[in-house]
């Protein structure tokens, strides 16, 4: 089932993130167009916040934490 936030326009964007956001290929294949959209971290946080996510909120879900260098 296709995610309710997925727009299959030429850019394949996600309305769960504020502004213009193009999900990664991993996100699209795993959550946007196949599988269970409720397992998507972006969908889950949107459902809690009840509003589109900021870039910072989105990145906190998908980007790894920076590693600290030991001195």
PDB file of N, CA and C in Angstrom:
ATOM      1  N   UNK A   1       0.837  -1.182   0.000  1.00  0.00           N
ATOM      2  CA  UNK A   1       0.000   0.000   0.000  1.00  0.00           C
ATOM      3  C   UNK A   1       0.886   1.250   0.000  1.00  0.00           C
ATOM      4  N   UNK A   2       0.552   2.204  -0.814  1.00  0.00           N
ATOM      5  CA  UNK A   2       1.354   3.423  -0.912  1.00  0.00           C
ATOM      6  C   UNK A   2       1.045   4.330   0.278  1.00  0.00           C
ATOM      7  N   UNK A   3       2.091   4.910   0.844  1.00  0.00           N
ATOM      8  CA  UNK A   3       1.958   5.807   1.996  1.00  0.00           C
ATOM      9  C   UNK A   3       1.116   7.030   1.634  1.00  0.00           C
ATOM     10  N   UNK A   4       0.286   7.451   2.564  1.00  0.00           N
ATOM     11  CA  UNK A   4      -0.577   8.612   2.312  1.00  0.00           C
ATOM     12  C   UNK A   4       0.199   9.907   2.120  1.00  0.00           C
ATOM     13  N   UNK A   5       1.447   9.970   2.583  1.00  0.00           N
ATOM     14  CA  UNK A   5       2.261  11.173   2.451  1.00  0.00           C
ATOM     15  C   UNK A   5       3.125  11.169   1.191  1.00  0.00           C
ATOM     16  N   UNK A   6       3.188  10.035   0.514  1.00  0.00           N
ATOM     17  CA  UNK A   6       4.024   9.906  -0.675  1.00  0.00           C
ATOM     18  C   UNK A   6       3.317  10.504  -1.883  1.00  0.00           C
ATOM     19  N   UNK A   7       4.014  11.369  -2.589  1.00  0.00           N
ATOM     20  CA  UNK A   7       3.487  11.966  -3.812  1.00  0.00           C
ATOM     21  C   UNK A   7       4.311  11.434  -4.979  1.00  0.00           C
ATOM     22  N   UNK A   8       3.641  10.732  -5.860  1.00  0.00           N
ATOM     23  CA  UNK A   8       4.369  10.146  -6.984  1.00  0.00           C
ATOM     24  C   UNK A   8       4.452  11.124  -8.151  1.00  0.00           C
ATOM     25  N   UNK A   9       4.825  12.363  -7.837  1.00  0.00           N
ATOM     26  CA  UNK A   9       5.094  13.358  -8.867  1.00  0.00           C
ATOM     27  C   UNK A   9       6.451  13.025  -9.491  1.00  0.00           C
ATOM     28  N   UNK A  10       6.934  13.785 -10.443  1.00  0.00           N
ATOM     29  CA  UNK A  10       8.227  13.430 -11.047  1.00  0.00           C
ATOM     30  C   UNK A  10       9.379  13.314 -10.041  1.00  0.00           C
ATOM     31  N   UNK A  11       9.255  13.958  -8.878  1.00  0.00           N
ATOM     32  CA  UNK A  11      10.336  13.928  -7.887  1.00  0.00           C
ATOM     33  C   UNK A  11      10.098  12.910  -6.789  1.00  0.00           C
ATOM     34  N   UNK A  12       8.894  12.347  -6.683  1.00  0.00           N
ATOM     35  CA  UNK A  12       8.531  11.380  -5.646  1.00  0.00           C
ATOM     36  C   UNK A  12       8.820  11.945  -4.255  1.00  0.00           C
ATOM     37  N   UNK A  13       8.052  12.938  -3.868  1.00  0.00           N
ATOM     38  CA  UNK A  13       8.299  13.648  -2.617  1.00  0.00           C
ATOM     39  C   UNK A  13       7.449  13.122  -1.455  1.00  0.00           C
ATOM     40  N   UNK A  14       7.804  13.571  -0.254  1.00  0.00           N
ATOM     41  CA  UNK A  14       7.133  13.160   0.980  1.00  0.00           C
ATOM     42  C   UNK A  14       6.550  14.394   1.665  1.00  0.00           C
ATOM     43  N   UNK A  15       5.237  14.377   1.894  1.00  0.00           N
ATOM     44  CA  UNK A  15       4.568  15.509   2.537  1.00  0.00           C
ATOM     45  C   UNK A  15       4.668  15.464   4.062  1.00  0.00           C
ATOM     46  N   UNK A  16       5.253  14.411   4.631  1.00  0.00           N
ATOM     47  CA  UNK A  16       5.399  14.328   6.081  1.00  0.00           C
ATOM     48  C   UNK A  16       6.545  15.207   6.584  1.00  0.00           C
ATOM     49  N   UNK A  17       7.339  15.729   5.648  1.00  0.00           N
ATOM     50  CA  UNK A  17       8.462  16.614   5.992  1.00  0.00           C
ATOM     51  C   UNK A  17       8.156  17.985   5.400  1.00  0.00           C
ATOM     52  N   UNK A  18       8.340  19.041   6.195  1.00  0.00           N
ATOM     53  CA  UNK A  18       8.054  20.408   5.753  1.00  0.00           C
ATOM     54  C   UNK A  18       8.938  20.780   4.564  1.00  0.00           C
ATOM     55  N   UNK A  19       8.400  21.593   3.691  1.00  0.00           N
ATOM     56  CA  UNK A  19       9.155  22.005   2.513  1.00  0.00           C
ATOM     57  C   UNK A  19       9.111  20.915   1.463  1.00  0.00           C
ATOM     58  N   UNK A  20      10.141  20.809   0.686  1.00  0.00           N
ATOM     59  CA  UNK A  20      10.205  19.820  -0.389  1.00  0.00           C
ATOM     60  C   UNK A  20      11.214  18.765  -0.012  1.00  0.00           C
ATOM     61  N   UNK A  21      10.753  17.548   0.172  1.00  0.00           N
ATOM     62  CA  UNK A  21      11.641  16.465   0.608  1.00  0.00           C
ATOM     63  C   UNK A  21      11.488  15.258  -0.308  1.00  0.00           C
ATOM     64  N   UNK A  22      12.607  14.758  -0.805  1.00  0.00           N
ATOM     65  CA  UNK A  22      12.618  13.550  -1.626  1.00  0.00           C
ATOM     66  C   UNK A  22      13.188  12.418  -0.780  1.00  0.00           C
ATOM     67  N   UNK A  23      12.374  11.393  -0.485  1.00  0.00           N
ATOM     68  CA  UNK A  23      12.874  10.270   0.310  1.00  0.00           C
ATOM     69  C   UNK A  23      13.984   9.524  -0.434  1.00  0.00           C
ATOM     70  N   UNK A  24      14.868   8.916   0.337  1.00  0.00           N
ATOM     71  CA  UNK A  24      15.928   8.117  -0.267  1.00  0.00           C
ATOM     72  C   UNK A  24      15.318   6.891  -0.944  1.00  0.00           C
ATOM     73  N   UNK A  25      16.086   6.259  -1.795  1.00  0.00           N
ATOM     74  CA  UNK A  25      15.626   5.038  -2.450  1.00  0.00           C
ATOM     75  C   UNK A  25      15.270   3.979  -1.402  1.00  0.00           C
ATOM     76  N   UNK A  26      16.080   3.870  -0.362  1.00  0.00           N
ATOM     77  CA  UNK A  26      15.802   2.925   0.731  1.00  0.00           C
ATOM     78  C   UNK A  26      14.431   3.194   1.343  1.00  0.00           C
ATOM     79  N   UNK A  27      14.151   4.447   1.667  1.00  0.00           N
ATOM     80  CA  UNK A  27      12.859   4.799   2.262  1.00  0.00           C
ATOM     81  C   UNK A  27      11.710   4.484   1.310  1.00  0.00           C
ATOM     82  N   UNK A  28      11.870   4.874   0.057  1.00  0.00           N
ATOM     83  CA  UNK A  28      10.791   4.645  -0.915  1.00  0.00           C
ATOM     84  C   UNK A  28      10.482   3.168  -1.069  1.00  0.00           C
ATOM     85  N   UNK A  29      11.520   2.342  -1.241  1.00  0.00           N
ATOM     86  CA  UNK A  29      11.300   0.916  -1.460  1.00  0.00           C
ATOM     87  C   UNK A  29      10.784   0.210  -0.202  1.00  0.00           C
ATOM     88  N   UNK A  30      11.231   0.658   0.938  1.00  0.00           N
ATOM     89  CA  UNK A  30      10.874  -0.039   2.181  1.00  0.00           C
ATOM     90  C   UNK A  30       9.557   0.435   2.786  1.00  0.00           C
ATOM     91  N   UNK A  31       9.271   1.740   2.691  1.00  0.00           N
ATOM     92  CA  UNK A  31       8.112   2.282   3.389  1.00  0.00           C
ATOM     93  C   UNK A  31       7.095   3.006   2.503  1.00  0.00           C
ATOM     94  N   UNK A  32       7.547   3.744   1.519  1.00  0.00           N
ATOM     95  CA  UNK A  32       6.637   4.614   0.755  1.00  0.00           C
ATOM     96  C   UNK A  32       5.710   3.853  -0.184  1.00  0.00           C
ATOM     97  N   UNK A  33       6.248   2.923  -0.933  1.00  0.00           N
ATOM     98  CA  UNK A  33       5.441   2.259  -1.956  1.00  0.00           C
ATOM     99  C   UNK A  33       5.205   0.777  -1.694  1.00  0.00           C
ATOM    100  N   UNK A  34       5.866   0.210  -0.743  1.00  0.00           N
ATOM    101  CA  UNK A  34       5.677  -1.200  -0.421  1.00  0.00           C
ATOM    102  C   UNK A  34       5.845  -1.383   1.088  1.00  0.00           C
ATOM    103  N   UNK A  35       5.287  -2.406   1.588  1.00  0.00           N
ATOM    104  CA  UNK A  35       5.445  -2.683   3.008  1.00  0.00           C
ATOM    105  C   UNK A  35       4.469  -1.893   3.859  1.00  0.00           C
ATOM    106  N   UNK A  36       4.760  -1.817   5.126  1.00  0.00           N
ATOM    107  CA  UNK A  36       3.873  -1.180   6.096  1.00  0.00           C
ATOM    108  C   UNK A  36       4.363   0.229   6.402  1.00  0.00           C
ATOM    109  N   UNK A  37       3.619   1.229   5.948  1.00  0.00           N
ATOM    110  CA  UNK A  37       4.026   2.621   6.150  1.00  0.00           C
ATOM    111  C   UNK A  37       4.092   2.994   7.623  1.00  0.00           C
ATOM    112  N   UNK A  38       3.337   2.314   8.475  1.00  0.00           N
ATOM    113  CA  UNK A  38       3.334   2.664   9.900  1.00  0.00           C
ATOM    114  C   UNK A  38       4.649   2.304  10.576  1.00  0.00           C
ATOM    115  N   UNK A  39       5.501   1.523   9.917  1.00  0.00           N
ATOM    116  CA  UNK A  39       6.818   1.193  10.466  1.00  0.00           C
ATOM    117  C   UNK A  39       7.868   2.246  10.119  1.00  0.00           C
ATOM    118  N   UNK A  40       7.531   3.165   9.231  1.00  0.00           N
ATOM    119  CA  UNK A  40       8.469   4.212   8.801  1.00  0.00           C
ATOM    120  C   UNK A  40       8.703   5.195   9.953  1.00  0.00           C
ATOM    121  N   UNK A  41       9.959   5.459  10.314  1.00  0.00           N
ATOM    122  CA  UNK A  41      10.234   6.415  11.387  1.00  0.00           C
ATOM    123  C   UNK A  41       9.666   7.811  11.108  1.00  0.00           C
ATOM    124  N   UNK A  42       9.695   8.253   9.860  1.00  0.00           N
ATOM    125  CA  UNK A  42       9.142   9.560   9.511  1.00  0.00           C
ATOM    126  C   UNK A  42       7.633   9.571   9.746  1.00  0.00           C
ATOM    127  N   UNK A  43       6.954   8.541   9.305  1.00  0.00           N
ATOM    128  CA  UNK A  43       5.509   8.420   9.504  1.00  0.00           C
ATOM    129  C   UNK A  43       5.175   8.393  10.999  1.00  0.00           C
ATOM    130  N   UNK A  44       5.947   7.637  11.770  1.00  0.00           N
ATOM    131  CA  UNK A  44       5.691   7.523  13.206  1.00  0.00           C
ATOM    132  C   UNK A  44       5.833   8.863  13.918  1.00  0.00           C
ATOM    133  N   UNK A  45       6.900   9.608  13.615  1.00  0.00           N
ATOM    134  CA  UNK A  45       7.091  10.901  14.271  1.00  0.00           C
ATOM    135  C   UNK A  45       6.037  11.910  13.815  1.00  0.00           C
ATOM    136  N   UNK A  46       5.665  11.874  12.546  1.00  0.00           N
ATOM    137  CA  UNK A  46       4.589  12.741  12.059  1.00  0.00           C
ATOM    138  C   UNK A  46       3.299  12.450  12.833  1.00  0.00           C
ATOM    139  N   UNK A  47       3.014  11.183  13.054  1.00  0.00           N
ATOM    140  CA  UNK A  47       1.799  10.795  13.766  1.00  0.00           C
ATOM    141  C   UNK A  47       1.793  11.305  15.204  1.00  0.00           C
ATOM    142  N   UNK A  48       2.947  11.383  15.816  1.00  0.00           N
ATOM    143  CA  UNK A  48       3.061  11.907  17.187  1.00  0.00           C
ATOM    144  C   UNK A  48       2.931  13.425  17.190  1.00  0.00           C
ATOM    145  N   UNK A  49       3.652  14.092  16.283  1.00  0.00           N
ATOM    146  CA  UNK A  49       3.685  15.561  16.259  1.00  0.00           C
ATOM    147  C   UNK A  49       2.440  16.187  15.627  1.00  0.00           C
ATOM    148  N   UNK A  50       1.762  15.437  14.763  1.00  0.00           N
ATOM    149  CA  UNK A  50       0.558  15.925  14.064  1.00  0.00           C
ATOM    150  C   UNK A  50       0.839  17.143  13.182  1.00  0.00           C
ATOM    151  N   UNK A  51       2.040  17.189  12.629  1.00  0.00           N
ATOM    152  CA  UNK A  51       2.442  18.276  11.734  1.00  0.00           C
ATOM    153  C   UNK A  51       3.653  17.805  10.932  1.00  0.00           C
ATOM    154  N   UNK A  52       3.922  18.442   9.797  1.00  0.00           N
ATOM    155  CA  UNK A  52       5.122  18.067   9.030  1.00  0.00           C
ATOM    156  C   UNK A  52       6.390  18.277   9.856  1.00  0.00           C
ATOM    157  N   UNK A  53       7.349  17.385   9.676  1.00  0.00           N
ATOM    158  CA  UNK A  53       8.608  17.452  10.412  1.00  0.00           C
ATOM    159  C   UNK A  53       9.527  18.515   9.826  1.00  0.00           C
ATOM    160  N   UNK A  54      10.322  19.118  10.679  1.00  0.00           N
ATOM    161  CA  UNK A  54      11.360  20.027  10.205  1.00  0.00           C
ATOM    162  C   UNK A  54      12.515  19.193   9.639  1.00  0.00           C
ATOM    163  N   UNK A  55      13.395  19.833   8.900  1.00  0.00           N
ATOM    164  CA  UNK A  55      14.569  19.121   8.393  1.00  0.00           C
ATOM    165  C   UNK A  55      15.374  18.516   9.529  1.00  0.00           C
ATOM    166  N   UNK A  56      15.526  19.263  10.610  1.00  0.00           N
ATOM    167  CA  UNK A  56      16.302  18.788  11.762  1.00  0.00           C
ATOM    168  C   UNK A  56      15.668  17.536  12.374  1.00  0.00           C
ATOM    169  N   UNK A  57      14.358  17.545  12.525  1.00  0.00           N
ATOM    170  CA  UNK A  57      13.666  16.372  13.074  1.00  0.00           C
ATOM    171  C   UNK A  57      13.825  15.171  12.146  1.00  0.00           C
ATOM    172  N   UNK A  58      13.682  15.419  10.851  1.00  0.00           N
ATOM    173  CA  UNK A  58      13.839  14.331   9.880  1.00  0.00           C
ATOM    174  C   UNK A  58      15.254  13.761   9.933  1.00  0.00           C
ATOM    175  N   UNK A  59      16.244  14.624   9.909  1.00  0.00           N
ATOM    176  CA  UNK A  59      17.639  14.159   9.921  1.00  0.00           C
ATOM    177  C   UNK A  59      17.981  13.416  11.205  1.00  0.00           C
ATOM    178  N   UNK A  60      17.376  13.810  12.322  1.00  0.00           N
ATOM    179  CA  UNK A  60      17.646  13.111  13.578  1.00  0.00           C
ATOM    180  C   UNK A  60      17.164  11.654  13.521  1.00  0.00           C
ATOM    181  N   UNK A  61      16.213  11.369  12.649  1.00  0.00           N
ATOM    182  CA  UNK A  61      15.721  10.001  12.497  1.00  0.00           C
ATOM    183  C   UNK A  61      16.613   9.145  11.613  1.00  0.00           C
ATOM    184  N   UNK A  62      17.188   9.745  10.584  1.00  0.00           N
ATOM    185  CA  UNK A  62      17.857   8.977   9.541  1.00  0.00           C
ATOM    186  C   UNK A  62      19.369   9.141   9.488  1.00  0.00           C
ATOM    187  N   UNK A  63      19.895  10.251   9.935  1.00  0.00           N
ATOM    188  CA  UNK A  63      21.349  10.480   9.852  1.00  0.00           C
ATOM    189  C   UNK A  63      22.026   9.898  11.092  1.00  0.00           C
ATOM    190  N   UNK A  64      23.147   9.241  10.923  1.00  0.00           N
ATOM    191  CA  UNK A  64      23.850   8.702  12.092  1.00  0.00           C
ATOM    192  C   UNK A  64      24.428   9.815  12.945  1.00  0.00           C
ATOM    193  N   UNK A  65      24.550   9.537  14.210  1.00  0.00           N
ATOM    194  CA  UNK A  65      25.190  10.485  15.130  1.00  0.00           C
ATOM    195  C   UNK A  65      26.666  10.626  14.755  1.00  0.00           C
ATOM    196  N   UNK A  66      27.184  11.859  14.795  1.00  0.00           N
ATOM    197  CA  UNK A  66      28.612  12.008  14.487  1.00  0.00           C
ATOM    198  C   UNK A  66      29.457  11.314  15.561  1.00  0.00           C
ATOM    199  N   UNK A  67      30.529  10.680  15.114  1.00  0.00           N
ATOM    200  CA  UNK A  67      31.411   9.996  16.058  1.00  0.00           C
ATOM    201  C   UNK A  67      32.407  10.982  16.628  1.00  0.00           C
ATOM    202  N   UNK A  68      32.630  10.857  17.901  1.00  0.00           N
ATOM    203  CA  UNK A  68      33.610  11.747  18.567  1.00  0.00           C
ATOM    204  C   UNK A  68      35.008  11.150  18.409  1.00  0.00           C
ATOM    205  N   UNK A  69      35.924  12.030  18.150  1.00  0.00           N
ATOM    206  CA  UNK A  69      37.316  11.581  18.022  1.00  0.00           C
ATOM    207  C   UNK A  69      37.954  11.537  19.400  1.00  0.00           C
ATOM    208  N   UNK A  70      38.701  10.493  19.623  1.00  0.00           N
ATOM    209  CA  UNK A  70      39.406  10.408  20.914  1.00  0.00           C
ATOM    210  C   UNK A  70      40.711  11.187  20.807  1.00  0.00           C
ATOM    211  N   UNK A  71      41.022  11.858  21.890  1.00  0.00           N
ATOM    212  CA  UNK A  71      42.229  12.712  21.888  1.00  0.00           C
ATOM    213  C   UNK A  71      43.464  11.945  22.166  1.00  0.00           C
TER     214      UNK A  71
END
